[in-house]
Structure formats: C-alpha cells, structure tokens
Amino acid sequence: MIQIEKLSFSYSRKGNPALDGITAAVGPGIHLLIGENGAGKTTLLHLMAGVALPSSGSIRIDATDPSSDHPDEKGHTFLLEENTSVAMKTIRKFAEAHSRFYPNFSHKQFCDNLHTFGLTGDEPIRKLSLGNRKKTLLAYALALGVDLLLLDEPTNALDIQSKEQLKGMIARNISDNQTVVVSTHTISELENLFDGAMILRGGRLLWTGSAEMVSDRLAFERSRFQDEDALYTEQIPGGYVSILPAIQGAPTNVDWRMLYSALYSPACDAVLSHLNDSRS
C-alpha cells in the first residue's frame, strides 16, 4: 500500500513546485500514472522509489519510508526508468550481482521472460538494439517480485509483437499482493491491465481511483449520433464516442485514454462531479 499525505516537492526554493499537496492511497494492483509533460510523473516515481526526498508531506510504502537506508527496507521497491543502463557485459551478469538484494527474485521467471522475448540473457548489452536492451531490463524487473514495481514508459522502443508479449508477461509475473505503477503516454498499449489510475495536472493530483469506481459511475459509448446527455464527446469517423453517467447495473469497460482527455478538457468539472459522487 502506498500512502501519500500532503506531498510536495520543489527542485529549487524559488521555482514552482513539481508536486503540490498530493494525498492518495494506492493499493495492490496495476495502476496507470498519467499527466501532461511536466505534470510531475517522474518526480512522483522518484519519491516512491526513495531516490528523492519530499520538500513537505510524507510518502510511505507499507508504512515504511522509501528513502530509508535500513537493510530490512531495501529490496522491496524497484524503479525501471526509461534511461536505466546496466554497467555489466550481459543482463545475466547484472542479475547475478544485483538480484541478491531482492529476496523474492525468481531466476525461473527471469529466464522465462527472456525466452518470451527471444533472448538468452548472454547477449552483450552494448551490441543490442535499444528495443532489445529494454526487453532485457523488463525481463529482469518483472522477475524481482518486489512489493512495489515502478515502470517509466515501459513500452517505449518495443515493437508491436514485443508490446503484446509484455502484456502477457506482466499478467503472469505480477501477483495479487504486488503494486505496479506504470507511467506512460501510450495508454492503449497496456490499457486492459490497469486496475486504477493516478492522473496529474500541473503538479497536482487531479483524480485517483479504481477501474471499478469509474465503471460504476461513468459509461463509455460509441454511437452514430451525438448524445445530448453526454458529459464529454469526441467526434470520430462514422459517429461519436462519449462519456455519460453510468446506468446502474450496466457497467462498461473503462477507456482510460478518453477519461484522461475529458479531465484535460472544459468537461473536467462535470466528469469529476460524477466520479467523486459517493451516491453513484
């Protein structure tokens, strides 16, 4: 469980805060972290991973401080950034040295993940393409078995087939008691995996909640004609896609991309009103 209380962070005393007064609770599952460029996504990942310290407020991972240097607190969180590099010849050599700090690391899962991507792990990393280097790191990260796994743009540099393989790999490797936070701008590539989302705007938390909450309160529909009751509408070839108040007992699949667009539009207040209505 991630507990965030009035969390703020600034890179300088005089500049605007990168994060401002965020309060949230995120439980086990796979959660989307999204916002415009500069919204504070990477900063929040760094705070969750303990590689940055809050300017004010607090963040706790299962009631512990992620920045703690105590040995018992290490090995429970891992951050895979878009620019993560490995200073060893192969990913297998890296895993041999690095995985000893992660008590739940599964060598079998690691090998299975590599095999899924068509790799052995013995390939010299410096000779691999950008996409294949990304695959080796994903294969390793998903085998660590950490309580909190943070993935920054995990599908970048992957081809279409590899993105599909990654979806299956995440579903196989992540247990019910793990928490995964995925920061990405390409929502559709992993959309069916998300159990919830955190949506940032301008350093503030615009909304956070579960897919079940969204589905209970909003409906996502496609039609030939524009619906006058729609909270938000986009025109597409042949018709419209809309967000409407949900019909009780008739939940729909969540379109995270569309919800994100609605919350960045003039319809934001109307959509939030329905999302936050406890009577819905």
C-alpha atoms as a PDB file:
ATOM      1  CA  MET A   1       0.000   0.000   0.000  1.00  0.00           C
ATOM      2  CA  ILE A   2       1.266   3.449  -0.963  1.00  0.00           C
ATOM      3  CA  GLN A   3       0.143   6.172   1.445  1.00  0.00           C
ATOM      4  CA  ILE A   4       0.769   9.751   0.293  1.00  0.00           C
ATOM      5  CA  GLU A   5      -0.102  12.659   2.571  1.00  0.00           C
ATOM      6  CA  LYS A   6       0.096  16.328   1.505  1.00  0.00           C
ATOM      7  CA  LEU A   7       3.187  15.537  -0.560  1.00  0.00           C
ATOM      8  CA  SER A   8       5.045  18.429  -2.197  1.00  0.00           C
ATOM      9  CA  PHE A   9       8.398  18.640  -3.932  1.00  0.00           C
ATOM     10  CA  SER A  10      10.374  21.535  -5.406  1.00  0.00           C
ATOM     11  CA  TYR A  11      13.642  21.429  -7.315  1.00  0.00           C
ATOM     12  CA  SER A  12      14.501  24.935  -6.116  1.00  0.00           C
ATOM     13  CA  ARG A  13      13.313  27.305  -3.407  1.00  0.00           C
ATOM     14  CA  LYS A  14      12.118  29.956  -5.822  1.00  0.00           C
ATOM     15  CA  GLY A  15      10.624  27.796  -8.573  1.00  0.00           C
ATOM     16  CA  ASN A  16       7.095  26.436  -8.786  1.00  0.00           C
ATOM     17  CA  PRO A  17       6.701  23.060  -7.050  1.00  0.00           C
ATOM     18  CA  ALA A  18       6.954  19.979  -9.276  1.00  0.00           C
ATOM     19  CA  LEU A  19       4.371  18.358  -6.998  1.00  0.00           C
ATOM     20  CA  ASP A  20       1.974  20.290  -4.785  1.00  0.00           C
ATOM     21  CA  GLY A  21      -0.062  18.856  -1.906  1.00  0.00           C
ATOM     22  CA  ILE A  22      -0.764  15.354  -3.208  1.00  0.00           C
ATOM     23  CA  THR A  23      -2.759  12.996  -0.997  1.00  0.00           C
ATOM     24  CA  ALA A  24      -3.602   9.483  -2.187  1.00  0.00           C
ATOM     25  CA  ALA A  25      -3.766   5.826  -1.211  1.00  0.00           C
ATOM     26  CA  VAL A  26      -2.801   3.187  -3.781  1.00  0.00           C
ATOM     27  CA  GLY A  27      -3.277  -0.498  -3.034  1.00  0.00           C
ATOM     28  CA  PRO A  28      -2.144  -3.691  -4.773  1.00  0.00           C
ATOM     29  CA  GLY A  29      -2.775  -3.939  -8.492  1.00  0.00           C
ATOM     30  CA  ILE A  30      -1.545  -2.319 -11.690  1.00  0.00           C
ATOM     31  CA  HIS A  31      -2.052   1.433 -11.734  1.00  0.00           C
ATOM     32  CA  LEU A  32      -1.699   3.961 -14.528  1.00  0.00           C
ATOM     33  CA  LEU A  33       0.186   7.184 -13.759  1.00  0.00           C
ATOM     34  CA  ILE A  34      -0.510   9.817 -16.376  1.00  0.00           C
ATOM     35  CA  GLY A  35      -0.363  13.553 -16.962  1.00  0.00           C
ATOM     36  CA  GLU A  36       0.940  16.089 -19.453  1.00  0.00           C
ATOM     37  CA  ASN A  37       4.661  16.750 -19.895  1.00  0.00           C
ATOM     38  CA  GLY A  38       5.906  18.407 -16.724  1.00  0.00           C
ATOM     39  CA  ALA A  39       2.931  17.237 -14.627  1.00  0.00           C
ATOM     40  CA  GLY A  40       5.276  15.620 -12.096  1.00  0.00           C
ATOM     41  CA  LYS A  41       5.074  11.927 -13.055  1.00  0.00           C
ATOM     42  CA  THR A  42       8.809  11.210 -12.973  1.00  0.00           C
ATOM     43  CA  THR A  43       9.195  13.232  -9.779  1.00  0.00           C
ATOM     44  CA  LEU A  44       6.478  11.157  -8.109  1.00  0.00           C
ATOM     45  CA  LEU A  45       8.148   7.919  -9.228  1.00  0.00           C
ATOM     46  CA  HIS A  46      11.443   9.125  -7.752  1.00  0.00           C
ATOM     47  CA  LEU A  47       9.743   9.910  -4.439  1.00  0.00           C
ATOM     48  CA  MET A  48       8.062   6.495  -4.380  1.00  0.00           C
ATOM     49  CA  ALA A  49      11.422   4.857  -5.064  1.00  0.00           C
ATOM     50  CA  GLY A  50      13.156   6.848  -2.341  1.00  0.00           C
ATOM     51  CA  VAL A  51      15.696   8.443  -4.672  1.00  0.00           C
ATOM     52  CA  ALA A  52      14.254  11.893  -3.891  1.00  0.00           C
ATOM     53  CA  LEU A  53      13.026  13.346  -0.604  1.00  0.00           C
ATOM     54  CA  PRO A  54       9.782  15.317  -0.188  1.00  0.00           C
ATOM     55  CA  SER A  55      10.001  19.054   0.390  1.00  0.00           C
ATOM     56  CA  SER A  56       6.996  18.613   2.666  1.00  0.00           C
ATOM     57  CA  GLY A  57       4.416  15.976   3.457  1.00  0.00           C
ATOM     58  CA  SER A  58       5.096  12.269   3.514  1.00  0.00           C
ATOM     59  CA  ILE A  59       5.071   9.090   1.478  1.00  0.00           C
ATOM     60  CA  ARG A  60       5.012   5.591   2.950  1.00  0.00           C
ATOM     61  CA  ILE A  61       5.284   2.219   1.266  1.00  0.00           C
ATOM     62  CA  ASP A  62       3.642  -0.362   3.529  1.00  0.00           C
ATOM     63  CA  ALA A  63       4.123   2.101   6.413  1.00  0.00           C
ATOM     64  CA  THR A  64       7.881   2.492   5.800  1.00  0.00           C
ATOM     65  CA  ASP A  65       9.845   5.429   4.433  1.00  0.00           C
ATOM     66  CA  PRO A  66      11.049   4.535   0.901  1.00  0.00           C
ATOM     67  CA  SER A  67      14.229   6.589   1.422  1.00  0.00           C
ATOM     68  CA  SER A  68      15.244   4.553   4.490  1.00  0.00           C
ATOM     69  CA  ASP A  69      18.792   3.131   4.415  1.00  0.00           C
ATOM     70  CA  HIS A  70      17.915   0.303   6.794  1.00  0.00           C
ATOM     71  CA  PRO A  71      18.843  -3.058   5.185  1.00  0.00           C
ATOM     72  CA  ASP A  72      15.462  -4.590   6.044  1.00  0.00           C
ATOM     73  CA  GLU A  73      13.706  -1.903   3.994  1.00  0.00           C
ATOM     74  CA  LYS A  74      15.719  -2.479   0.844  1.00  0.00           C
ATOM     75  CA  GLY A  75      14.715  -4.936  -1.837  1.00  0.00           C
ATOM     76  CA  HIS A  76      11.009  -4.165  -1.728  1.00  0.00           C
ATOM     77  CA  THR A  77      10.843  -1.456  -4.416  1.00  0.00           C
ATOM     78  CA  PHE A  78      12.359  -1.214  -7.880  1.00  0.00           C
ATOM     79  CA  LEU A  79      12.224   1.667 -10.361  1.00  0.00           C
ATOM     80  CA  LEU A  80      12.855   0.955 -14.039  1.00  0.00           C
ATOM     81  CA  GLU A  81      13.359   4.292 -15.721  1.00  0.00           C
ATOM     82  CA  GLU A  82      13.318   4.953 -19.435  1.00  0.00           C
ATOM     83  CA  ASN A  83      17.063   5.675 -19.399  1.00  0.00           C
ATOM     84  CA  THR A  84      18.136   2.892 -17.000  1.00  0.00           C
ATOM     85  CA  SER A  85      21.507   1.467 -18.030  1.00  0.00           C
ATOM     86  CA  VAL A  86      23.460  -1.625 -16.962  1.00  0.00           C
ATOM     87  CA  ALA A  87      27.186  -1.343 -16.346  1.00  0.00           C
ATOM     88  CA  MET A  88      27.869  -5.031 -16.994  1.00  0.00           C
ATOM     89  CA  LYS A  89      28.502  -7.112 -20.069  1.00  0.00           C
ATOM     90  CA  THR A  90      25.228  -9.043 -20.014  1.00  0.00           C
ATOM     91  CA  ILE A  91      21.916  -8.922 -18.212  1.00  0.00           C
ATOM     92  CA  ARG A  92      22.689 -12.310 -16.663  1.00  0.00           C
ATOM     93  CA  LYS A  93      25.870 -10.927 -15.115  1.00  0.00           C
ATOM     94  CA  PHE A  94      23.891  -7.966 -13.850  1.00  0.00           C
ATOM     95  CA  ALA A  95      21.206 -10.226 -12.371  1.00  0.00           C
ATOM     96  CA  GLU A  96      23.812 -12.354 -10.584  1.00  0.00           C
ATOM     97  CA  ALA A  97      25.207  -9.288  -8.818  1.00  0.00           C
ATOM     98  CA  HIS A  98      22.066  -7.201  -8.375  1.00  0.00           C
ATOM     99  CA  SER A  99      19.328  -9.728  -7.541  1.00  0.00           C
ATOM    100  CA  ARG A 100      20.948 -10.716  -4.236  1.00  0.00           C
ATOM    101  CA  PHE A 101      19.384  -7.557  -2.785  1.00  0.00           C
ATOM    102  CA  TYR A 102      15.889  -8.731  -3.775  1.00  0.00           C
ATOM    103  CA  PRO A 103      14.772 -11.720  -1.696  1.00  0.00           C
ATOM    104  CA  ASN A 104      11.784 -12.574  -3.904  1.00  0.00           C
ATOM    105  CA  PHE A 105      13.720 -12.643  -7.178  1.00  0.00           C
ATOM    106  CA  SER A 106      12.754 -15.641  -9.342  1.00  0.00           C
ATOM    107  CA  HIS A 107      15.526 -16.915 -11.613  1.00  0.00           C
ATOM    108  CA  LYS A 108      12.975 -19.095 -13.406  1.00  0.00           C
ATOM    109  CA  GLN A 109      10.710 -16.147 -14.154  1.00  0.00           C
ATOM    110  CA  PHE A 110      13.743 -14.195 -15.349  1.00  0.00           C
ATOM    111  CA  CYS A 111      14.732 -16.956 -17.782  1.00  0.00           C
ATOM    112  CA  ASP A 112      11.130 -17.440 -18.930  1.00  0.00           C
ATOM    113  CA  ASN A 113      10.786 -13.703 -19.577  1.00  0.00           C
ATOM    114  CA  LEU A 114      13.973 -13.620 -21.618  1.00  0.00           C
ATOM    115  CA  HIS A 115      12.795 -16.637 -23.608  1.00  0.00           C
ATOM    116  CA  THR A 116       9.452 -14.936 -24.306  1.00  0.00           C
ATOM    117  CA  PHE A 117      11.363 -12.020 -25.804  1.00  0.00           C
ATOM    118  CA  GLY A 118      13.571 -14.379 -27.832  1.00  0.00           C
ATOM    119  CA  LEU A 119      16.691 -13.607 -25.795  1.00  0.00           C
ATOM    120  CA  THR A 120      19.113 -15.704 -23.752  1.00  0.00           C
ATOM    121  CA  GLY A 121      20.474 -13.015 -21.454  1.00  0.00           C
ATOM    122  CA  ASP A 122      24.020 -13.736 -22.590  1.00  0.00           C
ATOM    123  CA  GLU A 123      23.949 -11.194 -25.414  1.00  0.00           C
ATOM    124  CA  PRO A 124      26.461  -8.343 -24.921  1.00  0.00           C
ATOM    125  CA  ILE A 125      24.270  -5.435 -23.852  1.00  0.00           C
ATOM    126  CA  ARG A 126      26.302  -2.842 -25.753  1.00  0.00           C
ATOM    127  CA  LYS A 127      25.648  -4.716 -29.016  1.00  0.00           C
ATOM    128  CA  LEU A 128      21.901  -4.942 -28.527  1.00  0.00           C
ATOM    129  CA  SER A 129      19.432  -2.614 -30.181  1.00  0.00           C
ATOM    130  CA  LEU A 130      17.605  -0.104 -27.972  1.00  0.00           C
ATOM    131  CA  GLY A 131      14.488  -2.268 -28.055  1.00  0.00           C
ATOM    132  CA  ASN A 132      16.318  -5.445 -27.081  1.00  0.00           C
ATOM    133  CA  ARG A 133      18.125  -3.677 -24.241  1.00  0.00           C
ATOM    134  CA  LYS A 134      14.724  -2.577 -22.981  1.00  0.00           C
ATOM    135  CA  LYS A 135      13.497  -6.188 -23.155  1.00  0.00           C
ATOM    136  CA  THR A 136      16.372  -7.474 -21.019  1.00  0.00           C
ATOM    137  CA  LEU A 137      15.634  -4.897 -18.321  1.00  0.00           C
ATOM    138  CA  LEU A 138      11.899  -5.625 -18.359  1.00  0.00           C
ATOM    139  CA  ALA A 139      12.579  -9.363 -18.150  1.00  0.00           C
ATOM    140  CA  TYR A 140      14.683  -8.741 -15.053  1.00  0.00           C
ATOM    141  CA  ALA A 141      12.445  -6.152 -13.368  1.00  0.00           C
ATOM    142  CA  LEU A 142       9.335  -8.311 -13.672  1.00  0.00           C
ATOM    143  CA  ALA A 143      11.126 -11.260 -12.047  1.00  0.00           C
ATOM    144  CA  LEU A 144      12.178  -9.349  -8.913  1.00  0.00           C
ATOM    145  CA  GLY A 145       8.932  -9.973  -7.037  1.00  0.00           C
ATOM    146  CA  VAL A 146       9.113  -6.587  -5.311  1.00  0.00           C
ATOM    147  CA  ASP A 147       6.191  -5.198  -3.331  1.00  0.00           C
ATOM    148  CA  LEU A 148       6.268  -2.031  -5.449  1.00  0.00           C
ATOM    149  CA  LEU A 149       7.403  -2.009  -9.077  1.00  0.00           C
ATOM    150  CA  LEU A 150       7.651   1.373 -10.821  1.00  0.00           C
ATOM    151  CA  LEU A 151       7.807   1.362 -14.634  1.00  0.00           C
ATOM    152  CA  ASP A 152       8.523   4.557 -16.571  1.00  0.00           C
ATOM    153  CA  GLU A 153       7.381   4.310 -20.230  1.00  0.00           C
ATOM    154  CA  PRO A 154       7.889   0.519 -20.367  1.00  0.00           C
ATOM    155  CA  THR A 155       6.654   0.124 -23.956  1.00  0.00           C
ATOM    156  CA  ASN A 156       8.938   2.753 -25.495  1.00  0.00           C
ATOM    157  CA  ALA A 157      11.305   1.243 -28.120  1.00  0.00           C
ATOM    158  CA  LEU A 158       9.337  -2.024 -28.239  1.00  0.00           C
ATOM    159  CA  ASP A 159       7.856  -3.303 -31.493  1.00  0.00           C
ATOM    160  CA  ILE A 160       4.205  -4.350 -31.791  1.00  0.00           C
ATOM    161  CA  GLN A 161       4.823  -8.021 -31.056  1.00  0.00           C
ATOM    162  CA  SER A 162       7.015  -7.232 -28.049  1.00  0.00           C
ATOM    163  CA  LYS A 163       4.329  -4.970 -26.583  1.00  0.00           C
ATOM    164  CA  GLU A 164       1.852  -7.847 -26.749  1.00  0.00           C
ATOM    165  CA  GLN A 165       4.418 -10.155 -25.159  1.00  0.00           C
ATOM    166  CA  LEU A 166       4.970  -7.624 -22.396  1.00  0.00           C
ATOM    167  CA  LYS A 167       1.251  -7.507 -21.596  1.00  0.00           C
ATOM    168  CA  GLY A 168       1.180 -11.266 -21.108  1.00  0.00           C
ATOM    169  CA  MET A 169       4.401 -11.143 -19.117  1.00  0.00           C
ATOM    170  CA  ILE A 170       3.024  -8.559 -16.699  1.00  0.00           C
ATOM    171  CA  ALA A 171      -0.141 -10.624 -16.212  1.00  0.00           C
ATOM    172  CA  ARG A 172       1.925 -13.767 -15.482  1.00  0.00           C
ATOM    173  CA  ASN A 173       4.600 -12.220 -13.284  1.00  0.00           C
ATOM    174  CA  ILE A 174       2.642  -9.853 -11.044  1.00  0.00           C
ATOM    175  CA  SER A 175       0.906 -11.399  -8.041  1.00  0.00           C
ATOM    176  CA  ASP A 176      -2.250 -10.124  -6.352  1.00  0.00           C
ATOM    177  CA  ASN A 177      -0.316  -8.602  -3.445  1.00  0.00           C
ATOM    178  CA  GLN A 178       2.107  -6.585  -5.572  1.00  0.00           C
ATOM    179  CA  THR A 179       1.645  -2.959  -6.614  1.00  0.00           C
ATOM    180  CA  VAL A 180       2.782  -1.785 -10.041  1.00  0.00           C
ATOM    181  CA  VAL A 181       2.737   1.859 -11.112  1.00  0.00           C
ATOM    182  CA  VAL A 182       3.102   2.438 -14.858  1.00  0.00           C
ATOM    183  CA  SER A 183       3.872   5.935 -16.117  1.00  0.00           C
ATOM    184  CA  THR A 184       3.110   6.155 -19.823  1.00  0.00           C
ATOM    185  CA  HIS A 185       1.688   8.370 -22.552  1.00  0.00           C
ATOM    186  CA  THR A 186       0.681   5.380 -24.702  1.00  0.00           C
ATOM    187  CA  ILE A 187      -2.238   4.188 -22.599  1.00  0.00           C
ATOM    188  CA  SER A 188      -3.836   1.876 -25.145  1.00  0.00           C
ATOM    189  CA  GLU A 189      -0.866  -0.498 -25.259  1.00  0.00           C
ATOM    190  CA  LEU A 190      -1.482  -1.742 -21.698  1.00  0.00           C
ATOM    191  CA  GLU A 191      -4.997  -0.410 -21.109  1.00  0.00           C
ATOM    192  CA  ASN A 192      -6.731  -3.692 -20.279  1.00  0.00           C
ATOM    193  CA  LEU A 193      -4.276  -4.343 -17.441  1.00  0.00           C
ATOM    194  CA  PHE A 194      -4.960  -1.248 -15.365  1.00  0.00           C
ATOM    195  CA  ASP A 195      -6.836  -1.682 -12.082  1.00  0.00           C
ATOM    196  CA  GLY A 196      -6.781   2.040 -11.377  1.00  0.00           C
ATOM    197  CA  ALA A 197      -5.134   5.342 -12.204  1.00  0.00           C
ATOM    198  CA  MET A 198      -3.499   8.460 -10.825  1.00  0.00           C
ATOM    199  CA  ILE A 199      -3.998  11.472 -13.091  1.00  0.00           C
ATOM    200  CA  LEU A 200      -1.772  14.517 -12.546  1.00  0.00           C
ATOM    201  CA  ARG A 201      -2.098  18.027 -13.925  1.00  0.00           C
ATOM    202  CA  GLY A 202       0.303  20.864 -13.226  1.00  0.00           C
ATOM    203  CA  GLY A 203       1.896  19.124 -10.254  1.00  0.00           C
ATOM    204  CA  ARG A 204      -1.423  18.398  -8.560  1.00  0.00           C
ATOM    205  CA  LEU A 205      -3.405  15.195  -8.292  1.00  0.00           C
ATOM    206  CA  LEU A 206      -6.455  15.684 -10.497  1.00  0.00           C
ATOM    207  CA  TRP A 207      -8.043  12.306  -9.723  1.00  0.00           C
ATOM    208  CA  THR A 208      -7.164   8.859  -8.424  1.00  0.00           C
ATOM    209  CA  GLY A 209      -9.302   5.762  -8.102  1.00  0.00           C
ATOM    210  CA  SER A 210     -10.061   2.276  -9.327  1.00  0.00           C
ATOM    211  CA  ALA A 211     -11.347   0.986 -12.640  1.00  0.00           C
ATOM    212  CA  GLU A 212     -14.361  -0.379 -10.763  1.00  0.00           C
ATOM    213  CA  MET A 213     -15.149   3.091  -9.436  1.00  0.00           C
ATOM    214  CA  VAL A 214     -15.018   4.579 -12.927  1.00  0.00           C
ATOM    215  CA  SER A 215     -17.124   1.805 -14.427  1.00  0.00           C
ATOM    216  CA  ASP A 216     -19.772   2.192 -11.718  1.00  0.00           C
ATOM    217  CA  ARG A 217     -20.102   5.943 -12.279  1.00  0.00           C
ATOM    218  CA  LEU A 218     -19.338   6.560 -15.953  1.00  0.00           C
ATOM    219  CA  ALA A 219     -20.286   4.875 -19.226  1.00  0.00           C
ATOM    220  CA  PHE A 220     -18.133   4.933 -22.364  1.00  0.00           C
ATOM    221  CA  GLU A 221     -20.224   4.608 -25.503  1.00  0.00           C
ATOM    222  CA  ARG A 222     -19.901   4.784 -29.282  1.00  0.00           C
ATOM    223  CA  SER A 223     -22.860   5.893 -31.435  1.00  0.00           C
ATOM    224  CA  ARG A 224     -23.744   7.363 -34.820  1.00  0.00           C
ATOM    225  CA  PHE A 225     -25.334  10.436 -33.289  1.00  0.00           C
ATOM    226  CA  GLN A 226     -24.244  12.834 -30.570  1.00  0.00           C
ATOM    227  CA  ASP A 227     -25.917  12.156 -27.213  1.00  0.00           C
ATOM    228  CA  GLU A 228     -27.315  15.272 -25.550  1.00  0.00           C
ATOM    229  CA  ASP A 229     -26.770  13.735 -22.105  1.00  0.00           C
ATOM    230  CA  ALA A 230     -23.047  13.170 -22.710  1.00  0.00           C
ATOM    231  CA  LEU A 231     -20.617  14.680 -20.232  1.00  0.00           C
ATOM    232  CA  TYR A 232     -17.863  14.606 -22.847  1.00  0.00           C
ATOM    233  CA  THR A 233     -17.877  13.765 -26.560  1.00  0.00           C
ATOM    234  CA  GLU A 234     -15.329  13.211 -29.312  1.00  0.00           C
ATOM    235  CA  GLN A 235     -16.236  13.006 -32.978  1.00  0.00           C
ATOM    236  CA  ILE A 236     -14.769  10.042 -34.845  1.00  0.00           C
ATOM    237  CA  PRO A 237     -15.247   8.726 -38.402  1.00  0.00           C
ATOM    238  CA  GLY A 238     -18.815   7.493 -38.635  1.00  0.00           C
ATOM    239  CA  GLY A 239     -20.065   8.906 -35.369  1.00  0.00           C
ATOM    240  CA  TYR A 240     -19.155   9.851 -31.811  1.00  0.00           C
ATOM    241  CA  VAL A 241     -17.626   8.418 -28.665  1.00  0.00           C
ATOM    242  CA  SER A 242     -18.979   9.780 -25.414  1.00  0.00           C
ATOM    243  CA  ILE A 243     -18.724   9.648 -21.652  1.00  0.00           C
ATOM    244  CA  LEU A 244     -22.115   9.559 -19.951  1.00  0.00           C
ATOM    245  CA  PRO A 245     -23.390   8.981 -16.424  1.00  0.00           C
ATOM    246  CA  ALA A 246     -23.420   5.252 -15.790  1.00  0.00           C
ATOM    247  CA  ILE A 247     -26.648   3.293 -15.785  1.00  0.00           C
ATOM    248  CA  GLN A 248     -26.916   1.382 -12.519  1.00  0.00           C
ATOM    249  CA  GLY A 249     -26.233  -2.306 -13.023  1.00  0.00           C
ATOM    250  CA  ALA A 250     -24.767  -1.832 -16.519  1.00  0.00           C
ATOM    251  CA  PRO A 251     -21.023  -1.174 -16.110  1.00  0.00           C
ATOM    252  CA  THR A 252     -18.866  -0.603 -19.196  1.00  0.00           C
ATOM    253  CA  ASN A 253     -15.173  -1.079 -19.855  1.00  0.00           C
ATOM    254  CA  VAL A 254     -13.074   1.928 -18.901  1.00  0.00           C
ATOM    255  CA  ASP A 255     -11.475   3.914 -21.704  1.00  0.00           C
ATOM    256  CA  TRP A 256      -8.552   5.437 -19.795  1.00  0.00           C
ATOM    257  CA  ARG A 257      -7.367   7.489 -22.764  1.00  0.00           C
ATOM    258  CA  MET A 258     -10.768   9.058 -23.169  1.00  0.00           C
ATOM    259  CA  LEU A 259     -11.134   9.709 -19.432  1.00  0.00           C
ATOM    260  CA  TYR A 260      -7.740  11.416 -19.423  1.00  0.00           C
ATOM    261  CA  SER A 261      -8.758  13.604 -22.381  1.00  0.00           C
ATOM    262  CA  ALA A 262     -12.039  14.517 -20.675  1.00  0.00           C
ATOM    263  CA  LEU A 263     -10.242  15.569 -17.495  1.00  0.00           C
ATOM    264  CA  TYR A 264      -7.998  17.837 -19.555  1.00  0.00           C
ATOM    265  CA  SER A 265     -10.994  19.447 -21.293  1.00  0.00           C
ATOM    266  CA  PRO A 266     -13.665  22.001 -20.298  1.00  0.00           C
ATOM    267  CA  ALA A 267     -15.783  18.980 -19.300  1.00  0.00           C
ATOM    268  CA  CYS A 268     -13.418  18.253 -16.403  1.00  0.00           C
ATOM    269  CA  ASP A 269     -15.659  19.542 -13.608  1.00  0.00           C
ATOM    270  CA  ALA A 270     -18.724  17.660 -14.849  1.00  0.00           C
ATOM    271  CA  VAL A 271     -16.819  14.393 -15.202  1.00  0.00           C
ATOM    272  CA  LEU A 272     -15.151  14.793 -11.802  1.00  0.00           C
ATOM    273  CA  SER A 273     -18.514  15.521 -10.205  1.00  0.00           C
ATOM    274  CA  HIS A 274     -19.778  12.108 -11.286  1.00  0.00           C
ATOM    275  CA  LEU A 275     -16.525  10.336 -10.413  1.00  0.00           C
ATOM    276  CA  ASN A 276     -16.496  11.800  -6.921  1.00  0.00           C
ATOM    277  CA  ASP A 277     -20.208  11.344  -6.206  1.00  0.00           C
ATOM    278  CA  SER A 278     -20.330   8.685  -3.487  1.00  0.00           C
ATOM    279  CA  ARG A 279     -24.021   8.098  -4.250  1.00  0.00           C
ATOM    280  CA  SER A 280     -23.250   6.936  -7.816  1.00  0.00           C
END
